[in-house]
Each structure stands twice: as structure tokens, then as C-alpha cells.
Protein backbone atom coordinates (compact mmCIF):
# COMPACT_ATOMS: atom_id res chain seq x y z
CA UNK A 1 0.00 0.00 0.00
CA UNK A 2 1.39 3.39 -0.99
CA UNK A 3 1.82 5.79 1.90
CA UNK A 4 0.85 9.39 1.23
CA UNK A 5 2.25 12.48 2.91
CA UNK A 6 -0.82 14.49 3.91
CA UNK A 7 -0.31 18.14 3.18
CA UNK A 8 3.20 19.49 3.61
CA UNK A 9 3.69 17.75 6.96
CA UNK A 10 5.11 14.57 8.46
CA UNK A 11 1.56 13.21 8.75
CA UNK A 12 1.40 10.15 6.51
CA UNK A 13 -1.24 7.51 5.87
CA UNK A 14 -2.34 4.85 3.42
CA UNK A 15 -3.50 5.90 -0.04
CA UNK A 16 -6.78 4.08 0.62
CA UNK A 17 -8.78 4.96 3.75
CA UNK A 18 -11.89 3.42 5.26
CA UNK A 19 -14.89 5.69 5.71
CA UNK A 20 -16.83 4.53 8.76
CA UNK A 21 -20.23 6.08 7.98
CA UNK A 22 -21.90 2.66 7.69
CA UNK A 23 -20.16 0.95 10.62
CA UNK A 24 -23.31 1.07 12.74
CA UNK A 25 -24.80 -1.50 10.33
CA UNK A 26 -22.34 -4.06 11.73
CA UNK A 27 -21.97 -5.86 15.02
CA UNK A 28 -18.94 -5.07 17.16
CA UNK A 29 -17.33 -8.40 16.27
CA UNK A 30 -17.93 -7.84 12.55
CA UNK A 31 -16.50 -4.32 12.84
CA UNK A 32 -13.42 -5.78 14.53
CA UNK A 33 -12.93 -8.09 11.57
CA UNK A 34 -13.31 -5.16 9.16
CA UNK A 35 -10.68 -3.12 11.00
CA UNK A 36 -8.32 -6.11 11.08
CA UNK A 37 -8.73 -6.80 7.35
CA UNK A 38 -8.02 -3.13 6.61
CA UNK A 39 -4.78 -3.13 8.59
CA UNK A 40 -3.71 -6.49 7.16
CA UNK A 41 -4.10 -4.97 3.69
CA UNK A 42 -2.16 -1.80 4.51
CA UNK A 43 -5.12 0.49 5.19
CA UNK A 44 -4.26 2.41 8.37
CA UNK A 45 -6.57 5.45 8.05
CA UNK A 46 -10.15 5.52 9.42
CA UNK A 47 -12.47 8.42 8.67
CA UNK A 48 -15.33 9.32 11.03
CA UNK A 49 -17.75 12.19 11.65
CA UNK A 50 -19.87 13.04 14.65
CA UNK A 51 -23.06 12.64 12.59
CA UNK A 52 -22.29 9.12 11.32
CA UNK A 53 -24.96 7.06 13.01
CA UNK A 54 -25.42 10.01 15.39
CA UNK A 55 -22.13 9.02 17.01
CA UNK A 56 -22.86 5.30 17.11
CA UNK A 57 -20.27 4.54 14.40
CA UNK A 58 -17.49 5.99 16.56
CA UNK A 59 -18.66 4.00 19.57
CA UNK A 60 -18.77 0.73 17.63
CA UNK A 61 -15.34 1.44 16.16
CA UNK A 62 -13.75 1.94 19.58
CA UNK A 63 -15.31 -1.22 21.01
CA UNK A 64 -14.31 -3.17 17.90
CA UNK A 65 -10.74 -1.89 17.98
CA UNK A 66 -10.47 -3.09 21.59
CA UNK A 67 -11.19 -6.63 20.38
CA UNK A 68 -8.20 -6.58 18.03
CA UNK A 69 -4.48 -6.60 18.67
CA UNK A 70 -4.06 -3.33 16.76
CA UNK A 71 -2.46 -0.51 18.73
CA UNK A 72 -3.99 2.98 18.62
CA UNK A 73 -0.63 4.49 17.65
CA UNK A 74 -0.41 2.23 14.58
CA UNK A 75 -3.50 3.68 12.91
CA UNK A 76 -4.79 7.13 11.99
CA UNK A 77 -8.20 8.28 13.20
CA UNK A 78 -9.95 11.30 11.71
CA UNK A 79 -13.29 12.84 12.57
CA UNK A 80 -15.37 15.75 11.34
CA UNK A 81 -17.81 18.20 12.90
CA UNK A 82 -20.10 21.07 12.00
CA UNK A 83 -23.34 19.40 10.87
CA UNK A 84 -26.19 19.47 13.38
CA UNK A 85 -28.63 16.84 12.08
CA UNK A 86 -31.67 17.75 14.11
CA UNK A 87 -33.26 20.17 13.29
CA UNK A 88 -30.66 20.46 10.52
CA UNK A 89 -28.09 23.26 10.25
CA UNK A 90 -24.34 23.91 10.24
CA UNK A 91 -22.43 25.24 13.24
CA UNK A 92 -18.78 26.32 13.33
CA UNK A 93 -19.03 28.13 16.66
CA UNK A 94 -16.16 27.70 19.11
CA UNK A 95 -18.35 25.89 21.60
CA UNK A 96 -19.75 23.46 19.05
CA UNK A 97 -16.37 22.62 17.49
CA UNK A 98 -14.73 21.91 20.85
CA UNK A 99 -17.67 19.91 22.19
CA UNK A 100 -17.93 17.87 18.99
CA UNK A 101 -14.23 17.01 19.04
CA UNK A 102 -14.31 16.10 22.73
CA UNK A 103 -17.47 14.02 22.32
CA UNK A 104 -15.87 12.14 19.41
CA UNK A 105 -12.82 11.40 21.56
CA UNK A 106 -15.05 9.99 24.29
CA UNK A 107 -16.93 7.77 21.85
CA UNK A 108 -13.70 6.67 20.20
CA UNK A 109 -12.16 6.09 23.64
CA UNK A 110 -8.87 7.72 22.69
CA UNK A 111 -6.85 10.74 23.78
CA UNK A 112 -6.32 12.42 20.42
CA UNK A 113 -7.49 12.66 16.82
CA UNK A 114 -4.82 12.48 14.15
CA UNK A 115 -6.89 14.90 12.08
CA UNK A 116 -10.09 16.87 12.54
CA UNK A 117 -12.09 18.49 9.73
CA UNK A 118 -14.83 21.10 9.52
CA UNK A 119 -17.59 19.25 7.69
CA UNK A 120 -19.96 21.42 5.62
CA UNK A 121 -19.37 25.21 5.38
CA UNK A 122 -21.28 27.32 7.89
CA UNK A 123 -21.95 30.71 6.28
CA UNK A 124 -22.64 32.22 9.73
CA UNK A 125 -19.26 31.22 11.12
CA UNK A 126 -16.84 33.66 12.73
CA UNK A 127 -13.29 32.67 11.69
CA UNK A 128 -11.91 34.08 14.93
CA UNK A 129 -13.98 31.53 16.85
CA UNK A 130 -12.71 28.68 14.70
CA UNK A 131 -9.16 29.87 15.39
CA UNK A 132 -9.77 29.87 19.14
CA UNK A 133 -11.27 26.38 18.99
CA UNK A 134 -8.36 25.02 16.94
CA UNK A 135 -5.84 26.63 19.32
CA UNK A 136 -7.50 24.96 22.28
CA UNK A 137 -7.70 21.56 20.62
CA UNK A 138 -4.07 21.73 19.49
CA UNK A 139 -2.63 23.00 22.78
CA UNK A 140 -4.56 20.40 24.77
CA UNK A 141 -3.15 17.66 22.51
CA UNK A 142 -6.62 16.55 21.48
CA UNK A 143 -6.09 17.18 17.74
CA UNK A 144 -2.82 16.86 15.86
CA UNK A 145 -3.79 18.12 12.38
CA UNK A 146 -6.63 20.16 10.92
CA UNK A 147 -8.50 20.49 7.66
CA UNK A 148 -11.85 21.09 6.02
CA UNK A 149 -14.43 19.24 3.98
CA UNK A 150 -16.49 20.44 1.01
CA UNK A 151 -15.00 23.94 1.01
CA UNK A 152 -13.87 26.19 -1.84
CA UNK A 153 -10.66 28.27 -2.03
CA UNK A 154 -12.32 31.47 -0.83
CA UNK A 155 -13.73 29.81 2.27
CA UNK A 156 -10.37 28.22 3.02
CA UNK A 157 -8.50 31.49 2.58
CA UNK A 158 -10.90 33.21 4.98
CA UNK A 159 -10.16 30.56 7.58
CA UNK A 160 -6.42 30.79 6.96
CA UNK A 161 -6.49 34.52 7.68
CA UNK A 162 -7.21 33.69 11.34
CA UNK A 163 -6.32 30.02 11.90
CA UNK A 164 -2.65 29.43 12.81
CA UNK A 165 -2.60 25.72 12.12
CA UNK A 166 -1.98 24.50 8.55
CA UNK A 167 -5.16 23.29 6.85
CA UNK A 168 -3.79 20.18 5.17
CA UNK A 169 -6.90 18.29 4.03
CA UNK A 170 -10.04 19.01 2.03
CA UNK A 171 -12.51 16.14 1.73
CA UNK A 172 -14.43 16.43 -1.55
CA UNK A 173 -16.68 14.17 -3.58
CA UNK A 174 -14.72 12.85 -6.54
CA UNK A 175 -14.71 9.83 -8.83
CA UNK A 176 -15.21 8.68 -12.39
CA UNK A 177 -18.83 9.85 -12.43
CA UNK A 178 -18.34 12.92 -10.24
CA UNK A 179 -15.43 14.69 -11.91
CA UNK A 180 -16.46 18.35 -11.82
CA UNK A 181 -13.19 19.53 -10.29
CA UNK A 182 -11.30 18.38 -13.40
CA UNK A 183 -13.96 18.95 -16.09
CA UNK A 184 -13.61 22.73 -16.08
CA UNK A 185 -9.86 22.42 -16.48
CA UNK A 186 -10.35 20.67 -19.81
CA UNK A 187 -12.82 23.26 -21.03
CA UNK A 188 -11.00 26.54 -20.46
CA UNK A 189 -12.18 29.33 -22.80
CA UNK A 190 -15.22 27.31 -23.82
CA UNK A 191 -18.95 28.11 -23.54
CA UNK A 192 -20.26 24.61 -22.89
CA UNK A 193 -21.68 23.45 -19.57
CA UNK A 194 -18.46 21.63 -18.63
CA UNK A 195 -16.57 24.94 -18.70
CA UNK A 196 -18.49 26.29 -15.70
CA UNK A 197 -16.18 26.52 -12.69
CA UNK A 198 -18.36 25.56 -9.74
CA UNK A 199 -15.70 25.56 -7.03
CA UNK A 200 -13.17 28.24 -8.01
CA UNK A 201 -10.50 25.80 -9.14
CA UNK A 202 -10.31 23.69 -5.96
CA UNK A 203 -8.13 21.01 -7.56
CA UNK A 204 -5.40 23.42 -8.62
CA UNK A 205 -5.73 25.39 -5.38
CA UNK A 206 -5.22 22.22 -3.35
CA UNK A 207 -2.07 21.33 -5.25
CA UNK A 208 -0.67 24.86 -5.00
CA UNK A 209 -1.32 25.05 -1.26
CA UNK A 210 -0.28 21.51 -0.27
CA UNK A 211 -3.75 20.36 0.70
CA UNK A 212 -4.49 16.68 0.31
CA UNK A 213 -7.83 15.96 -1.36
CA UNK A 214 -9.73 13.08 0.20
CA UNK A 215 -12.21 11.67 -2.32
CA UNK A 216 -15.50 10.64 -0.74
CA UNK A 217 -18.22 8.52 -2.41
CA UNK A 218 -15.75 7.56 -5.18
CA UNK A 219 -18.09 4.99 -6.78
CA UNK A 220 -21.27 7.06 -6.71
CA UNK A 221 -22.85 9.04 -9.52
CA UNK A 222 -24.66 12.26 -8.71
CA UNK A 223 -25.27 13.11 -5.08
CA UNK A 224 -25.91 9.68 -3.49
CA UNK A 225 -27.98 8.62 -6.52
CA UNK A 226 -26.32 5.24 -6.71
CA UNK A 227 -23.23 3.27 -7.69
CA UNK A 228 -22.18 3.45 -11.35
CA UNK A 229 -20.36 0.10 -11.36
CA UNK A 230 -22.44 -2.79 -12.78
CA UNK A 231 -25.18 -0.25 -13.45
CA UNK A 232 -27.20 -0.65 -16.67
CA UNK A 233 -27.44 3.15 -16.93
CA UNK A 234 -23.76 3.29 -17.91
CA UNK A 235 -23.12 0.45 -20.39
CA UNK A 236 -20.15 1.97 -22.22
CA UNK A 237 -18.37 2.97 -19.02
CA UNK A 238 -18.80 -0.46 -17.46
CA UNK A 239 -17.68 -2.17 -20.66
CA UNK A 240 -14.43 -0.19 -20.65
CA UNK A 241 -13.86 -0.65 -16.92
CA UNK A 242 -14.55 -4.40 -17.11
CA UNK A 243 -12.16 -4.77 -20.04
CA UNK A 244 -9.39 -2.95 -18.19
CA UNK A 245 -10.10 -4.98 -15.06
CA UNK A 246 -9.38 -8.17 -16.99
CA UNK A 247 -6.19 -6.70 -18.46
CA UNK A 248 -4.92 -5.64 -15.03
CA UNK A 249 -6.15 -8.79 -13.27
CA UNK A 250 -8.37 -6.84 -10.89
CA UNK A 251 -12.04 -5.96 -10.37
CA UNK A 252 -14.13 -3.09 -11.67
CA UNK A 253 -13.89 -1.45 -8.23
CA UNK A 254 -10.13 -1.77 -8.44
CA UNK A 255 -10.06 0.08 -11.77
CA UNK A 256 -12.38 2.82 -10.50
CA UNK A 257 -10.04 3.30 -7.55
CA UNK A 258 -6.91 3.21 -9.72
CA UNK A 259 -8.46 5.95 -11.89
CA UNK A 260 -8.47 8.29 -8.87
CA UNK A 261 -5.01 7.22 -7.70
CA UNK A 262 -3.54 7.88 -11.15
CA UNK A 263 -4.06 11.64 -10.81
CA UNK A 264 -0.80 13.40 -9.83
CA UNK A 265 -2.63 15.40 -7.14
CA UNK A 266 -2.02 12.36 -4.89
CA UNK A 267 -5.64 12.05 -3.86
CA UNK A 268 -6.51 9.82 -0.90
CA UNK A 269 -9.57 7.67 -1.62
CA UNK A 270 -12.12 7.19 1.17
CA UNK A 271 -14.00 3.93 0.60
CA UNK A 272 -17.23 3.30 2.47
CA UNK A 273 -17.76 -0.42 2.01
CA UNK A 274 -18.18 -2.69 5.01
CA UNK A 275 -17.62 -5.80 2.85
CA UNK A 276 -14.27 -7.41 3.69
CA UNK A 277 -13.91 -8.95 0.22
CA UNK A 278 -14.33 -5.56 -1.43
CA UNK A 279 -11.94 -3.95 1.04
CA UNK A 280 -9.32 -6.53 0.07
CA UNK A 281 -9.82 -6.08 -3.67
CA UNK A 282 -9.72 -2.29 -3.41
CA UNK A 283 -6.53 -2.43 -1.35
CA UNK A 284 -4.88 -4.56 -4.05
CA UNK A 285 -5.70 -1.90 -6.67
CA UNK A 286 -2.92 0.20 -5.16
CA UNK A 287 -0.48 -1.75 -7.32
CA UNK A 288 -2.23 -0.67 -10.56
CA UNK A 289 -1.01 2.33 -12.52
CA UNK A 290 -3.23 3.25 -15.45
CA UNK A 291 -1.60 4.64 -18.58
CA UNK A 292 -2.52 8.04 -19.96
CA UNK A 293 -4.58 6.34 -22.67
CA UNK A 294 -6.42 4.10 -20.20
CA UNK A 295 -7.20 6.98 -17.85
CA UNK A 296 -8.62 9.14 -20.66
CA UNK A 297 -10.51 6.21 -22.12
CA UNK A 298 -12.39 5.79 -18.84
CA UNK A 299 -13.00 9.52 -18.58
CA UNK A 300 -14.54 9.67 -22.07
CA UNK A 301 -16.56 6.48 -21.52
CA UNK A 302 -18.18 8.25 -18.55
CA UNK A 303 -19.77 10.61 -21.08
CA UNK A 304 -17.21 13.40 -21.04
CA UNK A 305 -16.18 15.08 -24.26
CA UNK A 306 -12.70 16.50 -24.69
CA UNK A 307 -12.66 19.84 -26.59
């Protein structure tokens, strides 16, 4: 498994990470097996959020980890905060950030988070409050590294004006069928729909500012509309992916993952499966390097047109 340097720091982790949003669908013993299979296959990074299962996913993870022989210091644990699910709003206040981080630590039964992200942007946030919260969490040793999720360059720059800690991660939806952050780059000086820049060049910004992109929902199309693999809605794409899977002696999921890994931005892929067979096959995709031609063939088969 390739190890990525996250941001411009000494914080490193596996190229593939496990997203734990669905862990509350598993028993504690099953979750322990999932964690063990991940580590055995080189996956040492586990992504959480306070809203996943309303905190239950973090609790199950901690109890499951205790059943294994895996040491806390041998894995990376990340959590996110800022979404208040009921009644439904975003909150980046100092009090909410600190409480969310501390509550996650209690549920995870650990002393620190390797990284902590602000989840969805809160337009009512005061950046000074975020800075105070981050200072407290860093000085108390409760969070080692900081980042954001689903934020554009302007929002990040506003935070950076006040926050002292480097923001080294931005978690963004990205995959073969959700490629908006690269589509606009192909269609510069064009008037077609693909030329619309929806996020102010977040891909290039991330590379310029040493922010690691974490790709969430990498196998989904649309916004949680479904998985594109083995989906009759995308016959040409699946034909190409299946053909390349045979050539590379892997699965269609492996090729979809390798497509993300091939990008020189060194994107970390967050997988959400709780199936140990799929975890194993995805981990093995780390050895696959698609050629230029193969990468573009997949991109075009997804319905994209190069100018």
C-alpha cells in the first residue's frame, strides 16, 4: 500500500482509507474483523464524523478496535464536525467545534485525533472563533492536524487569515462519475456546460497550497444517486472498466479506484464499504497504474467530451 504524505507535513497515511459512515450496520465483532482486514491490507486510516450514526459509528469502532491486537498508535483516526442533524443546520461556533471534538474522543475512547475536519461550510461562522477552537484543541493535545471538507478556495483562505494551524486536508466528492473539479480544467475558454467553474479551481488550489484531497463517495454518480459500477445506466463505461479490469487482473472497483489514484494530485480515496472482500480487492488496486490512454478512455466512456 502506498503511503501518502498528507499536506506538507510529516503526517502520513495509506492511499486508501476506510470511511466509517456505515459501521453502525455491523456488530462489534464484525466491525473488529473489518478493521483487522483493513490493517492487514495496509489500510491504516479511518475516517469518522460526529453525525455518522449520530455518534454510534465511533462508539462501535472503539469497542471493535479493543477486540483486536491493533495498537492505537499504529492507525490514523480522523473525525469531522459542523453538521447538526436535528433540526438540521451547520455550526462552526467555538463551543460546538470543541464539544464535537471532545465528544468524538469519548466515543472513540482515545486521547487524540490524528486529524479533525470542519464538515460542511457554515456561512454564519466567525473565523476568529474557529481559530480559538483550533488553538485549544491543538494546545490540549486533542487534535494533531486540521482540515476542512467540502469547502472552496475562498472559504479556506478566509479561515487561513485567522487560523494558525496549517489546513492540510479538504474532503471532496470525486470519482469517475463525479469529476467536476477536473472537467472545467479541460474546457477553459469554452462556452459549454463543462466549462463552468463551480468551485473556483479547488483542484489546482489544493495542489498549489499543499492540501491533500480526500475523495468521498468515489463509486457514486450524482449526489448519493447510486453506484455506477455494474449499473445498466452506464453500459459503455462499465464495458471499458470491465475490459481494463481483466487486463490488469483486478475488479471493476479496483479500476475505478486506480483511476483516482492515477491523478498526480495524490488524492486519498475514502472507501465506504463494510464488505471485507471488497476492502481486500480495493486495497490490491494500489499496485495498478493506469496509462494516460487508459485513464482518458475511462474519462470519455463516462460521457465526457474533450474539446
